[in-house]
């Protein structure tokens, strides 16, 4: 969902999110929420080693803002409207990872009602999400994502996006799939009103659990 509907991202309290400014999500283990404590086991499965999550985000275009997708600055104009840098691709990936780990969505951890999260670098928020996922006993394995828009073209920027995302998630570049597609003039993306993104995340267990077959 878009940040306008509550799924938003942002900066660390007391300063902008970015290099050298660690992000502390609201409700995270770092803020003492017992529901997110690292010593609690991941729930909702029977000890299986993998889980899958699905993420979606959409933002409308806005003049006077830079366009950032997948952590890559594509242009200095006609960007996306949002509380943070409105990186729709990174937001979809964040929600996919959180969903796979059985956690809340990004609007819970980085609410757009909190001024501390204004103008954030979404890659810093992704770093914080990876910490949340790892604290629950999981690690990212691979991402497959689709960016839905009439423009800009995604292909010329795909390699740079894959490098940035792979580094943030601690995986090989080959574990990051990004594609661009259009809706051939249909819907809000077809009318060039904004950009949407969908992502699927696979995560693997890092804390082994015994599985009883009885």
N, C-alpha and C. Protein backbone atom coordinates (compact mmCIF):
# COMPACT_ATOMS: atom_id res chain seq x y z
N UNK A 1 0.84 -1.18 0.00
CA UNK A 1 0.00 0.00 0.00
C UNK A 1 0.88 1.24 0.00
N UNK A 2 0.32 2.34 -0.40
CA UNK A 2 1.07 3.57 -0.43
C UNK A 2 1.19 4.14 0.96
N UNK A 3 2.13 5.06 1.13
CA UNK A 3 2.32 5.70 2.41
C UNK A 3 1.10 6.53 2.78
N UNK A 4 0.35 7.01 1.77
CA UNK A 4 -0.84 7.79 2.06
C UNK A 4 -1.87 6.96 2.82
N UNK A 5 -1.81 5.64 2.66
CA UNK A 5 -2.77 4.78 3.34
C UNK A 5 -2.17 4.11 4.56
N UNK A 6 -0.98 4.58 4.96
CA UNK A 6 -0.43 4.10 6.23
C UNK A 6 0.80 3.26 6.11
N UNK A 7 1.19 2.87 4.88
CA UNK A 7 2.40 2.09 4.72
C UNK A 7 3.49 3.04 4.29
N UNK A 8 4.23 3.53 5.25
CA UNK A 8 5.22 4.53 4.94
C UNK A 8 6.52 4.21 5.62
N UNK A 9 7.55 5.00 5.31
CA UNK A 9 8.86 4.74 5.83
C UNK A 9 9.51 6.02 6.25
N UNK A 10 10.66 5.90 6.98
CA UNK A 10 11.25 7.13 7.42
C UNK A 10 12.60 7.00 8.08
N UNK A 11 12.98 8.01 8.83
CA UNK A 11 14.32 8.14 9.35
C UNK A 11 14.40 7.77 10.82
N UNK A 12 15.60 7.66 11.28
CA UNK A 12 15.82 7.36 12.70
C UNK A 12 15.44 8.56 13.54
N UNK A 13 14.91 8.32 14.75
CA UNK A 13 14.57 9.43 15.62
C UNK A 13 15.79 10.32 15.84
N UNK A 14 15.59 11.62 15.71
CA UNK A 14 16.66 12.56 15.97
C UNK A 14 17.49 12.87 14.75
N UNK A 15 17.20 12.32 13.58
CA UNK A 15 17.98 12.63 12.40
C UNK A 15 17.49 11.85 11.22
N UNK A 16 17.94 12.22 10.02
CA UNK A 16 17.50 11.55 8.80
C UNK A 16 18.05 10.15 8.70
N UNK A 17 17.29 9.26 8.07
CA UNK A 17 17.78 7.91 7.86
C UNK A 17 18.75 7.92 6.72
N UNK A 18 19.87 7.30 6.91
CA UNK A 18 20.87 7.25 5.86
C UNK A 18 22.15 6.67 6.43
N UNK A 19 23.23 6.69 5.64
CA UNK A 19 24.49 6.14 6.13
C UNK A 19 24.91 6.82 7.42
N UNK A 20 25.23 6.00 8.42
CA UNK A 20 25.66 6.53 9.71
C UNK A 20 24.53 6.89 10.64
N UNK A 21 23.29 6.69 10.19
CA UNK A 21 22.13 6.98 11.03
C UNK A 21 21.28 5.72 11.13
N UNK A 22 21.55 4.85 12.11
CA UNK A 22 20.78 3.62 12.22
C UNK A 22 19.32 3.91 12.51
N UNK A 23 18.45 3.14 11.88
CA UNK A 23 17.02 3.32 12.05
C UNK A 23 16.51 2.43 13.16
N UNK A 24 15.70 2.98 14.04
CA UNK A 24 15.07 2.18 15.10
C UNK A 24 13.57 2.17 14.82
N UNK A 25 13.03 1.09 14.24
CA UNK A 25 11.61 1.04 13.92
C UNK A 25 10.75 1.10 15.16
N UNK A 26 9.60 1.73 15.03
CA UNK A 26 8.65 1.73 16.14
C UNK A 26 8.19 0.31 16.40
N UNK A 27 8.16 -0.11 17.68
CA UNK A 27 7.72 -1.46 18.01
C UNK A 27 8.78 -2.52 17.80
N UNK A 28 10.03 -2.10 17.55
CA UNK A 28 11.08 -3.08 17.31
C UNK A 28 11.66 -3.57 18.63
N UNK A 29 12.51 -4.60 18.54
CA UNK A 29 13.14 -5.13 19.74
C UNK A 29 13.99 -4.07 20.42
N UNK A 30 14.60 -3.17 19.61
CA UNK A 30 15.44 -2.13 20.18
C UNK A 30 14.66 -1.17 21.05
N UNK A 31 13.33 -1.10 20.83
CA UNK A 31 12.49 -0.23 21.66
C UNK A 31 11.75 -1.02 22.73
N UNK A 32 12.09 -2.30 22.88
CA UNK A 32 11.59 -3.06 24.00
C UNK A 32 10.24 -3.69 23.81
N UNK A 33 9.73 -3.79 22.59
CA UNK A 33 8.45 -4.44 22.36
C UNK A 33 8.62 -5.94 22.57
N UNK A 34 7.98 -6.54 23.58
CA UNK A 34 8.20 -7.97 23.85
C UNK A 34 7.74 -8.85 22.71
N UNK A 35 6.81 -8.36 21.89
CA UNK A 35 6.33 -9.17 20.77
C UNK A 35 7.40 -9.34 19.70
N UNK A 36 8.44 -8.48 19.71
CA UNK A 36 9.48 -8.55 18.69
C UNK A 36 10.82 -8.98 19.26
N UNK A 37 10.84 -9.51 20.50
CA UNK A 37 12.11 -9.89 21.10
C UNK A 37 12.78 -11.00 20.32
N UNK A 38 14.10 -10.88 20.19
CA UNK A 38 14.85 -11.84 19.39
C UNK A 38 14.81 -13.24 19.98
N UNK A 39 14.57 -13.37 21.31
CA UNK A 39 14.60 -14.69 21.92
C UNK A 39 13.28 -15.43 21.77
N UNK A 40 12.27 -14.77 21.19
CA UNK A 40 11.02 -15.46 20.94
C UNK A 40 11.13 -16.24 19.65
N UNK A 41 10.60 -17.46 19.58
CA UNK A 41 10.70 -18.24 18.36
C UNK A 41 9.78 -17.69 17.28
N UNK A 42 10.19 -17.87 16.03
CA UNK A 42 9.29 -17.53 14.93
C UNK A 42 8.09 -18.45 15.00
N UNK A 43 6.90 -17.90 14.80
CA UNK A 43 5.69 -18.68 14.96
C UNK A 43 4.99 -18.88 13.63
N UNK A 44 3.94 -19.69 13.67
CA UNK A 44 3.12 -19.88 12.50
C UNK A 44 3.61 -20.95 11.56
N UNK A 45 4.56 -21.78 11.96
CA UNK A 45 5.01 -22.88 11.11
C UNK A 45 5.34 -24.06 12.01
N UNK A 46 5.68 -25.17 11.39
CA UNK A 46 6.00 -26.39 12.14
C UNK A 46 7.49 -26.69 12.06
N UNK A 47 8.31 -25.64 12.00
CA UNK A 47 9.74 -25.86 11.94
C UNK A 47 10.28 -25.98 10.54
N UNK A 48 9.49 -25.65 9.53
CA UNK A 48 9.96 -25.74 8.15
C UNK A 48 11.04 -24.69 7.90
N UNK A 49 12.01 -24.99 7.05
CA UNK A 49 13.17 -24.10 6.93
C UNK A 49 12.99 -22.87 6.06
N UNK A 50 11.88 -22.77 5.32
CA UNK A 50 11.68 -21.63 4.43
C UNK A 50 10.29 -21.04 4.61
N UNK A 51 10.20 -19.73 4.34
CA UNK A 51 8.91 -19.06 4.32
C UNK A 51 8.91 -18.03 3.19
N UNK A 52 7.72 -17.69 2.69
CA UNK A 52 7.57 -16.77 1.57
C UNK A 52 6.66 -15.62 1.96
N UNK A 53 6.98 -14.41 1.51
CA UNK A 53 6.14 -13.25 1.76
C UNK A 53 5.89 -12.47 0.48
N UNK A 54 4.76 -11.76 0.46
CA UNK A 54 4.36 -10.96 -0.70
C UNK A 54 4.22 -9.51 -0.27
N UNK A 55 4.79 -8.59 -1.05
CA UNK A 55 4.68 -7.18 -0.75
C UNK A 55 4.19 -6.38 -1.95
N UNK A 56 3.46 -5.30 -1.66
CA UNK A 56 2.95 -4.42 -2.71
C UNK A 56 3.01 -2.98 -2.23
N UNK A 57 3.31 -2.06 -3.14
CA UNK A 57 3.28 -0.64 -2.80
C UNK A 57 2.96 0.15 -4.06
N UNK A 58 2.42 1.35 -3.86
CA UNK A 58 2.10 2.25 -4.98
C UNK A 58 2.20 3.69 -4.51
N UNK A 59 2.74 4.54 -5.35
CA UNK A 59 2.85 5.97 -5.06
C UNK A 59 2.52 6.77 -6.31
N UNK A 60 1.93 7.94 -6.10
CA UNK A 60 1.63 8.82 -7.23
C UNK A 60 2.83 9.70 -7.54
N UNK A 61 2.90 10.14 -8.81
CA UNK A 61 3.96 11.06 -9.21
C UNK A 61 3.75 12.42 -8.55
N UNK A 62 4.86 13.14 -8.33
CA UNK A 62 4.81 14.48 -7.75
C UNK A 62 5.93 15.31 -8.35
N UNK A 63 5.64 16.50 -8.84
CA UNK A 63 6.70 17.36 -9.38
C UNK A 63 7.61 17.84 -8.27
N UNK A 64 8.84 18.15 -8.63
CA UNK A 64 9.77 18.70 -7.65
C UNK A 64 10.39 17.69 -6.72
N UNK A 65 10.21 16.41 -6.98
CA UNK A 65 10.83 15.37 -6.16
C UNK A 65 11.69 14.48 -7.04
N UNK A 66 12.80 14.01 -6.48
CA UNK A 66 13.65 13.07 -7.21
C UNK A 66 12.96 11.71 -7.26
N UNK A 67 13.21 10.98 -8.34
CA UNK A 67 12.65 9.63 -8.50
C UNK A 67 13.72 8.62 -8.09
N UNK A 68 13.41 7.85 -7.05
CA UNK A 68 14.32 6.82 -6.54
C UNK A 68 13.61 5.48 -6.60
N UNK A 69 14.24 4.51 -7.23
CA UNK A 69 13.70 3.16 -7.32
C UNK A 69 14.81 2.15 -7.04
N UNK A 70 14.55 1.22 -6.15
CA UNK A 70 15.54 0.21 -5.83
C UNK A 70 16.82 0.79 -5.27
N UNK A 71 16.72 1.94 -4.60
CA UNK A 71 17.90 2.58 -4.04
C UNK A 71 18.72 3.35 -5.05
N UNK A 72 18.22 3.49 -6.28
CA UNK A 72 18.94 4.18 -7.36
C UNK A 72 18.19 5.45 -7.73
N UNK A 73 18.89 6.57 -7.77
CA UNK A 73 18.30 7.85 -8.14
C UNK A 73 18.25 7.94 -9.66
N UNK A 74 17.03 7.89 -10.21
CA UNK A 74 16.88 7.85 -11.67
C UNK A 74 16.85 9.24 -12.29
N UNK A 75 16.25 10.22 -11.59
CA UNK A 75 16.17 11.57 -12.12
C UNK A 75 15.84 12.52 -10.98
N UNK A 76 15.99 13.80 -11.24
CA UNK A 76 15.80 14.81 -10.20
C UNK A 76 14.42 15.47 -10.25
N UNK A 77 13.54 14.99 -11.10
CA UNK A 77 12.21 15.59 -11.26
C UNK A 77 11.17 14.49 -11.43
N UNK A 78 9.91 14.87 -11.25
CA UNK A 78 8.80 13.92 -11.44
C UNK A 78 9.05 12.63 -10.68
N UNK A 79 9.31 12.79 -9.39
CA UNK A 79 9.48 11.64 -8.52
C UNK A 79 8.15 11.17 -7.96
N UNK A 80 8.19 10.50 -6.83
CA UNK A 80 6.98 9.94 -6.23
C UNK A 80 6.68 10.62 -4.90
N UNK A 81 5.40 10.80 -4.62
CA UNK A 81 4.95 11.45 -3.40
C UNK A 81 4.96 10.46 -2.25
N UNK A 82 5.53 10.87 -1.12
CA UNK A 82 5.54 9.99 0.04
C UNK A 82 6.20 10.67 1.22
N UNK A 83 6.04 10.09 2.39
CA UNK A 83 6.62 10.62 3.62
C UNK A 83 8.14 10.48 3.59
N UNK A 84 8.61 9.41 2.97
CA UNK A 84 10.05 9.16 2.84
C UNK A 84 10.47 9.54 1.43
N UNK A 85 11.50 8.88 0.90
CA UNK A 85 11.86 9.13 -0.49
C UNK A 85 10.92 8.42 -1.46
N UNK A 86 9.93 7.69 -0.92
CA UNK A 86 8.87 7.04 -1.71
C UNK A 86 9.42 6.03 -2.71
N UNK A 87 10.45 5.30 -2.31
CA UNK A 87 11.01 4.25 -3.16
C UNK A 87 10.05 3.06 -3.15
N UNK A 88 9.17 3.04 -4.13
CA UNK A 88 8.08 2.06 -4.15
C UNK A 88 8.59 0.63 -4.24
N UNK A 89 9.69 0.42 -4.93
CA UNK A 89 10.25 -0.93 -5.06
C UNK A 89 10.80 -1.42 -3.73
N UNK A 90 11.56 -0.59 -3.06
CA UNK A 90 12.12 -0.99 -1.76
C UNK A 90 11.00 -1.22 -0.74
N UNK A 91 9.96 -0.40 -0.78
CA UNK A 91 8.85 -0.57 0.16
C UNK A 91 8.15 -1.92 -0.05
N UNK A 92 7.96 -2.31 -1.30
CA UNK A 92 7.33 -3.61 -1.58
C UNK A 92 8.21 -4.75 -1.07
N UNK A 93 9.52 -4.62 -1.25
CA UNK A 93 10.44 -5.65 -0.76
C UNK A 93 10.42 -5.72 0.76
N UNK A 94 10.39 -4.57 1.42
CA UNK A 94 10.33 -4.54 2.87
C UNK A 94 9.09 -5.26 3.38
N UNK A 95 7.94 -4.98 2.79
CA UNK A 95 6.71 -5.64 3.24
C UNK A 95 6.75 -7.13 2.96
N UNK A 96 7.36 -7.54 1.85
CA UNK A 96 7.47 -8.97 1.56
C UNK A 96 8.31 -9.68 2.61
N UNK A 97 9.42 -9.07 3.01
CA UNK A 97 10.28 -9.66 4.04
C UNK A 97 9.57 -9.72 5.38
N UNK A 98 8.91 -8.63 5.74
CA UNK A 98 8.19 -8.60 7.02
C UNK A 98 7.07 -9.63 7.05
N UNK A 99 6.35 -9.74 5.95
CA UNK A 99 5.27 -10.72 5.88
C UNK A 99 5.78 -12.14 5.98
N UNK A 100 6.89 -12.42 5.31
CA UNK A 100 7.46 -13.77 5.37
C UNK A 100 7.86 -14.14 6.79
N UNK A 101 8.34 -13.16 7.55
CA UNK A 101 8.77 -13.41 8.93
C UNK A 101 7.62 -13.36 9.93
N UNK A 102 6.42 -13.10 9.46
CA UNK A 102 5.27 -13.04 10.36
C UNK A 102 5.22 -11.76 11.18
N UNK A 103 5.82 -10.68 10.67
CA UNK A 103 5.86 -9.41 11.38
C UNK A 103 4.81 -8.45 10.82
N UNK A 104 4.70 -7.26 11.43
CA UNK A 104 3.75 -6.25 10.97
C UNK A 104 4.24 -5.62 9.67
N UNK A 105 3.38 -4.80 9.03
CA UNK A 105 3.80 -4.14 7.79
C UNK A 105 4.64 -2.90 8.09
N UNK A 106 5.19 -2.28 7.04
CA UNK A 106 6.11 -1.18 7.25
C UNK A 106 5.42 0.05 7.85
N UNK A 107 4.11 0.19 7.64
CA UNK A 107 3.40 1.29 8.26
C UNK A 107 3.40 1.19 9.78
N UNK A 108 3.52 -0.02 10.31
CA UNK A 108 3.58 -0.21 11.76
C UNK A 108 4.93 0.25 12.32
N UNK A 109 6.00 -0.10 11.62
CA UNK A 109 7.33 0.20 12.12
C UNK A 109 7.80 1.61 11.77
N UNK A 110 7.33 2.15 10.62
CA UNK A 110 7.77 3.46 10.16
C UNK A 110 6.55 4.31 9.79
N UNK A 111 5.75 4.70 10.77
CA UNK A 111 4.48 5.39 10.48
C UNK A 111 4.70 6.79 9.89
N UNK A 112 3.83 7.16 8.94
CA UNK A 112 3.96 8.49 8.34
C UNK A 112 3.46 9.59 9.27
N UNK A 113 2.92 9.21 10.42
CA UNK A 113 2.52 10.19 11.43
C UNK A 113 3.68 10.63 12.31
N UNK A 114 4.82 9.97 12.17
CA UNK A 114 5.99 10.28 12.99
C UNK A 114 6.95 11.16 12.19
N UNK A 115 7.14 12.42 12.60
CA UNK A 115 8.03 13.30 11.85
C UNK A 115 9.48 12.82 11.81
N UNK A 116 9.85 11.95 12.73
CA UNK A 116 11.21 11.41 12.71
C UNK A 116 11.48 10.58 11.46
N UNK A 117 10.41 10.13 10.80
CA UNK A 117 10.56 9.29 9.62
C UNK A 117 10.34 10.06 8.32
N UNK A 118 10.42 11.38 8.38
CA UNK A 118 10.18 12.20 7.18
C UNK A 118 11.44 12.28 6.33
N UNK A 119 11.28 12.16 5.02
CA UNK A 119 12.39 12.32 4.09
C UNK A 119 13.44 11.25 4.17
N UNK A 120 13.04 10.05 4.59
CA UNK A 120 14.03 8.99 4.85
C UNK A 120 14.55 8.34 3.58
N UNK A 121 15.75 7.84 3.68
CA UNK A 121 16.33 6.98 2.66
C UNK A 121 15.78 5.57 2.88
N UNK A 122 15.01 5.07 1.93
CA UNK A 122 14.36 3.78 2.11
C UNK A 122 15.37 2.63 2.22
N UNK A 123 16.58 2.80 1.69
CA UNK A 123 17.57 1.75 1.84
C UNK A 123 17.98 1.60 3.30
N UNK A 124 18.00 2.71 4.05
CA UNK A 124 18.29 2.62 5.49
C UNK A 124 17.16 1.89 6.20
N UNK A 125 15.94 2.09 5.74
CA UNK A 125 14.80 1.39 6.34
C UNK A 125 14.86 -0.10 6.01
N UNK A 126 15.29 -0.41 4.80
CA UNK A 126 15.46 -1.82 4.43
C UNK A 126 16.50 -2.48 5.33
N UNK A 127 17.57 -1.77 5.64
CA UNK A 127 18.58 -2.31 6.57
C UNK A 127 17.92 -2.67 7.90
N UNK A 128 17.05 -1.78 8.39
CA UNK A 128 16.39 -2.02 9.67
C UNK A 128 15.44 -3.22 9.59
N UNK A 129 14.78 -3.39 8.46
CA UNK A 129 13.88 -4.53 8.28
C UNK A 129 14.68 -5.84 8.27
N UNK A 130 15.82 -5.84 7.62
CA UNK A 130 16.66 -7.04 7.61
C UNK A 130 17.06 -7.42 9.04
N UNK A 131 17.36 -6.42 9.87
CA UNK A 131 17.69 -6.69 11.27
C UNK A 131 16.49 -7.31 11.99
N UNK A 132 15.29 -6.76 11.77
CA UNK A 132 14.09 -7.32 12.38
C UNK A 132 13.89 -8.78 11.98
N UNK A 133 14.07 -9.06 10.69
CA UNK A 133 13.88 -10.42 10.19
C UNK A 133 14.93 -11.36 10.79
N UNK A 134 16.17 -10.91 10.84
CA UNK A 134 17.23 -11.75 11.41
C UNK A 134 17.02 -11.97 12.91
N UNK A 135 16.50 -10.95 13.60
CA UNK A 135 16.23 -11.12 15.02
C UNK A 135 15.14 -12.16 15.29
N UNK A 136 14.32 -12.44 14.30
CA UNK A 136 13.29 -13.47 14.44
C UNK A 136 13.79 -14.85 14.02
N UNK A 137 15.07 -14.92 13.64
CA UNK A 137 15.64 -16.22 13.30
C UNK A 137 15.57 -16.57 11.83
N UNK A 138 15.52 -15.54 10.96
CA UNK A 138 15.43 -15.78 9.52
C UNK A 138 16.47 -14.93 8.79
N UNK A 139 16.77 -15.33 7.56
CA UNK A 139 17.65 -14.54 6.71
C UNK A 139 17.07 -14.50 5.29
N UNK A 140 17.26 -13.39 4.57
CA UNK A 140 16.79 -13.33 3.18
C UNK A 140 17.54 -14.33 2.30
N UNK A 141 16.81 -14.93 1.37
CA UNK A 141 17.40 -15.85 0.41
C UNK A 141 17.35 -15.26 -1.00
N UNK A 142 16.16 -14.86 -1.42
CA UNK A 142 16.07 -14.21 -2.72
C UNK A 142 14.82 -13.33 -2.80
N UNK A 143 14.85 -12.42 -3.75
CA UNK A 143 13.76 -11.49 -4.01
C UNK A 143 13.41 -11.56 -5.49
N UNK A 144 12.12 -11.56 -5.79
CA UNK A 144 11.67 -11.41 -7.17
C UNK A 144 10.65 -10.29 -7.18
N UNK A 145 10.90 -9.25 -7.98
CA UNK A 145 10.06 -8.05 -7.94
C UNK A 145 9.71 -7.56 -9.34
N UNK A 146 8.55 -6.93 -9.43
CA UNK A 146 8.08 -6.33 -10.68
C UNK A 146 7.73 -4.87 -10.41
N UNK A 147 8.24 -3.97 -11.23
CA UNK A 147 7.89 -2.55 -11.17
C UNK A 147 6.90 -2.28 -12.30
N UNK A 148 5.75 -1.70 -11.95
CA UNK A 148 4.67 -1.51 -12.91
C UNK A 148 4.53 -0.02 -13.22
N UNK A 149 4.88 0.37 -14.43
CA UNK A 149 4.80 1.77 -14.83
C UNK A 149 4.93 1.90 -16.34
N UNK A 150 4.43 3.00 -16.88
CA UNK A 150 4.62 3.30 -18.29
C UNK A 150 5.99 3.92 -18.53
N UNK A 151 6.46 4.69 -17.56
CA UNK A 151 7.80 5.26 -17.59
C UNK A 151 8.22 5.58 -16.16
N UNK A 152 9.52 5.54 -15.90
CA UNK A 152 10.65 5.34 -16.81
C UNK A 152 10.85 3.86 -17.14
N UNK A 153 11.72 3.59 -18.10
CA UNK A 153 12.09 2.22 -18.40
C UNK A 153 12.98 1.70 -17.27
N UNK A 154 12.71 0.47 -16.86
CA UNK A 154 13.45 -0.13 -15.75
C UNK A 154 14.74 -0.79 -16.21
N UNK A 155 14.74 -1.36 -17.41
CA UNK A 155 15.88 -2.16 -17.87
C UNK A 155 17.22 -1.44 -17.77
N UNK A 156 17.33 -0.16 -18.14
CA UNK A 156 18.65 0.49 -18.07
C UNK A 156 19.19 0.63 -16.65
N UNK A 157 18.34 0.52 -15.65
CA UNK A 157 18.75 0.72 -14.26
C UNK A 157 18.75 -0.57 -13.45
N UNK A 158 18.37 -1.68 -14.08
CA UNK A 158 18.19 -2.93 -13.35
C UNK A 158 19.47 -3.41 -12.67
N UNK A 159 20.58 -3.34 -13.37
CA UNK A 159 21.83 -3.84 -12.80
C UNK A 159 22.22 -3.07 -11.54
N UNK A 160 22.09 -1.74 -11.58
CA UNK A 160 22.42 -0.93 -10.41
C UNK A 160 21.49 -1.23 -9.24
N UNK A 161 20.20 -1.42 -9.53
CA UNK A 161 19.24 -1.76 -8.48
C UNK A 161 19.57 -3.10 -7.85
N UNK A 162 19.89 -4.07 -8.67
CA UNK A 162 20.21 -5.40 -8.16
C UNK A 162 21.44 -5.37 -7.26
N UNK A 163 22.45 -4.59 -7.66
CA UNK A 163 23.66 -4.50 -6.83
C UNK A 163 23.35 -3.89 -5.47
N UNK A 164 22.59 -2.80 -5.45
CA UNK A 164 22.28 -2.14 -4.18
C UNK A 164 21.44 -3.03 -3.27
N UNK A 165 20.45 -3.68 -3.84
CA UNK A 165 19.57 -4.52 -3.03
C UNK A 165 20.28 -5.76 -2.53
N UNK A 166 21.12 -6.37 -3.38
CA UNK A 166 21.87 -7.55 -2.96
C UNK A 166 22.78 -7.22 -1.79
N UNK A 167 23.44 -6.06 -1.85
CA UNK A 167 24.33 -5.66 -0.76
C UNK A 167 23.54 -5.44 0.53
N UNK A 168 22.37 -4.81 0.43
CA UNK A 168 21.56 -4.55 1.62
C UNK A 168 21.04 -5.82 2.26
N UNK A 169 20.72 -6.82 1.44
CA UNK A 169 20.13 -8.06 1.95
C UNK A 169 21.18 -9.12 2.28
N UNK A 170 22.42 -8.88 1.89
CA UNK A 170 23.47 -9.86 2.16
C UNK A 170 23.35 -11.10 1.32
N UNK A 171 22.93 -10.94 0.04
CA UNK A 171 22.80 -12.08 -0.87
C UNK A 171 23.57 -11.80 -2.15
N UNK A 172 23.71 -12.81 -2.98
CA UNK A 172 24.35 -12.63 -4.28
C UNK A 172 23.43 -11.84 -5.21
N UNK A 173 24.05 -11.15 -6.18
CA UNK A 173 23.27 -10.38 -7.14
C UNK A 173 22.28 -11.29 -7.88
N UNK A 174 22.69 -12.52 -8.13
CA UNK A 174 21.81 -13.46 -8.83
C UNK A 174 20.58 -13.84 -8.04
N UNK A 175 20.53 -13.49 -6.76
CA UNK A 175 19.37 -13.78 -5.93
C UNK A 175 18.34 -12.65 -5.96
N UNK A 176 18.61 -11.60 -6.72
CA UNK A 176 17.69 -10.47 -6.86
C UNK A 176 17.16 -10.42 -8.28
N UNK A 177 15.85 -10.57 -8.42
CA UNK A 177 15.21 -10.47 -9.73
C UNK A 177 14.35 -9.22 -9.78
N UNK A 178 14.55 -8.38 -10.79
CA UNK A 178 13.77 -7.16 -10.98
C UNK A 178 13.36 -7.07 -12.44
N UNK A 179 12.08 -6.83 -12.66
CA UNK A 179 11.58 -6.64 -14.03
C UNK A 179 10.65 -5.44 -14.05
N UNK A 180 10.55 -4.84 -15.22
CA UNK A 180 9.60 -3.76 -15.41
C UNK A 180 8.51 -4.21 -16.36
N UNK A 181 7.30 -3.74 -16.13
CA UNK A 181 6.20 -4.05 -17.04
C UNK A 181 5.25 -2.87 -17.08
N UNK A 182 4.38 -2.86 -18.08
CA UNK A 182 3.35 -1.82 -18.18
C UNK A 182 1.98 -2.47 -18.11
N UNK A 183 0.95 -1.64 -17.98
CA UNK A 183 -0.43 -2.14 -18.04
C UNK A 183 -1.09 -1.73 -19.34
N UNK A 184 -0.25 -1.34 -20.32
CA UNK A 184 -0.72 -0.99 -21.67
C UNK A 184 -1.85 0.04 -21.63
N UNK A 185 -1.62 1.08 -20.84
CA UNK A 185 -2.57 2.19 -20.80
C UNK A 185 -3.71 2.03 -19.82
N UNK A 186 -3.81 0.90 -19.15
CA UNK A 186 -4.93 0.67 -18.24
C UNK A 186 -4.57 1.10 -16.81
N UNK A 187 -5.57 1.59 -16.08
CA UNK A 187 -5.40 1.91 -14.67
C UNK A 187 -4.54 3.13 -14.42
N UNK A 188 -4.24 3.38 -13.11
CA UNK A 188 -3.51 4.60 -12.76
C UNK A 188 -2.08 4.59 -13.29
N UNK A 189 -1.45 3.40 -13.37
CA UNK A 189 -0.11 3.37 -13.94
C UNK A 189 -0.16 3.60 -15.43
N UNK A 190 -1.20 3.07 -16.08
CA UNK A 190 -1.36 3.29 -17.51
C UNK A 190 -1.61 4.74 -17.86
N UNK A 191 -2.27 5.46 -16.95
CA UNK A 191 -2.51 6.89 -17.16
C UNK A 191 -1.32 7.73 -16.72
N UNK A 192 -0.22 7.09 -16.34
CA UNK A 192 1.01 7.76 -15.92
C UNK A 192 0.80 8.64 -14.69
N UNK A 193 -0.04 8.13 -13.78
CA UNK A 193 -0.29 8.86 -12.54
C UNK A 193 0.65 8.44 -11.42
N UNK A 194 1.29 7.28 -11.56
CA UNK A 194 2.17 6.80 -10.52
C UNK A 194 2.83 5.49 -10.90
N UNK A 195 3.47 4.89 -9.92
CA UNK A 195 4.21 3.63 -10.09
C UNK A 195 3.78 2.66 -9.00
N UNK A 196 3.66 1.40 -9.35
CA UNK A 196 3.38 0.34 -8.37
C UNK A 196 4.49 -0.70 -8.45
N UNK A 197 4.62 -1.48 -7.40
CA UNK A 197 5.61 -2.55 -7.37
C UNK A 197 5.08 -3.72 -6.56
N UNK A 198 5.42 -4.91 -6.99
CA UNK A 198 5.11 -6.13 -6.26
C UNK A 198 6.41 -6.90 -6.03
N UNK A 199 6.50 -7.57 -4.90
CA UNK A 199 7.72 -8.33 -4.60
C UNK A 199 7.37 -9.60 -3.84
N UNK A 200 8.11 -10.64 -4.11
CA UNK A 200 8.04 -11.90 -3.37
C UNK A 200 9.40 -12.12 -2.73
N UNK A 201 9.40 -12.46 -1.45
CA UNK A 201 10.64 -12.71 -0.72
C UNK A 201 10.65 -14.14 -0.18
N UNK A 202 11.77 -14.80 -0.34
CA UNK A 202 12.00 -16.10 0.28
C UNK A 202 13.01 -15.91 1.41
N UNK A 203 12.68 -16.43 2.59
CA UNK A 203 13.60 -16.36 3.72
C UNK A 203 13.86 -17.76 4.25
N UNK A 204 15.01 -17.94 4.87
CA UNK A 204 15.40 -19.26 5.40
C UNK A 204 15.67 -19.14 6.89
N UNK A 205 15.40 -20.21 7.59
CA UNK A 205 15.59 -20.23 9.04
C UNK A 205 17.08 -20.25 9.38
N UNK A 206 17.46 -19.45 10.36
CA UNK A 206 18.83 -19.47 10.86
C UNK A 206 18.91 -20.11 12.23
N UNK A 207 17.78 -20.16 12.96
CA UNK A 207 17.69 -20.83 14.25
C UNK A 207 16.96 -22.14 14.05
N UNK A 208 17.66 -23.24 14.18
CA UNK A 208 17.07 -24.54 13.91
C UNK A 208 16.07 -24.94 14.98
N UNK A 209 14.94 -25.49 14.55
CA UNK A 209 13.94 -26.01 15.47
C UNK A 209 13.72 -27.48 15.18
N UNK A 210 13.55 -28.28 16.23
CA UNK A 210 13.28 -29.70 16.05
C UNK A 210 11.84 -29.89 15.63
N UNK A 211 11.63 -30.73 14.64
CA UNK A 211 10.30 -31.00 14.13
C UNK A 211 9.89 -32.40 14.58
N UNK A 212 8.81 -32.49 15.33
CA UNK A 212 8.30 -33.78 15.77
C UNK A 212 7.35 -34.32 14.73
N UNK A 213 7.53 -35.56 14.36
CA UNK A 213 6.66 -36.22 13.39
C UNK A 213 5.56 -37.00 14.08
N UNK A 214 5.51 -36.96 15.39
CA UNK A 214 4.48 -37.71 16.12
C UNK A 214 3.26 -36.84 16.36
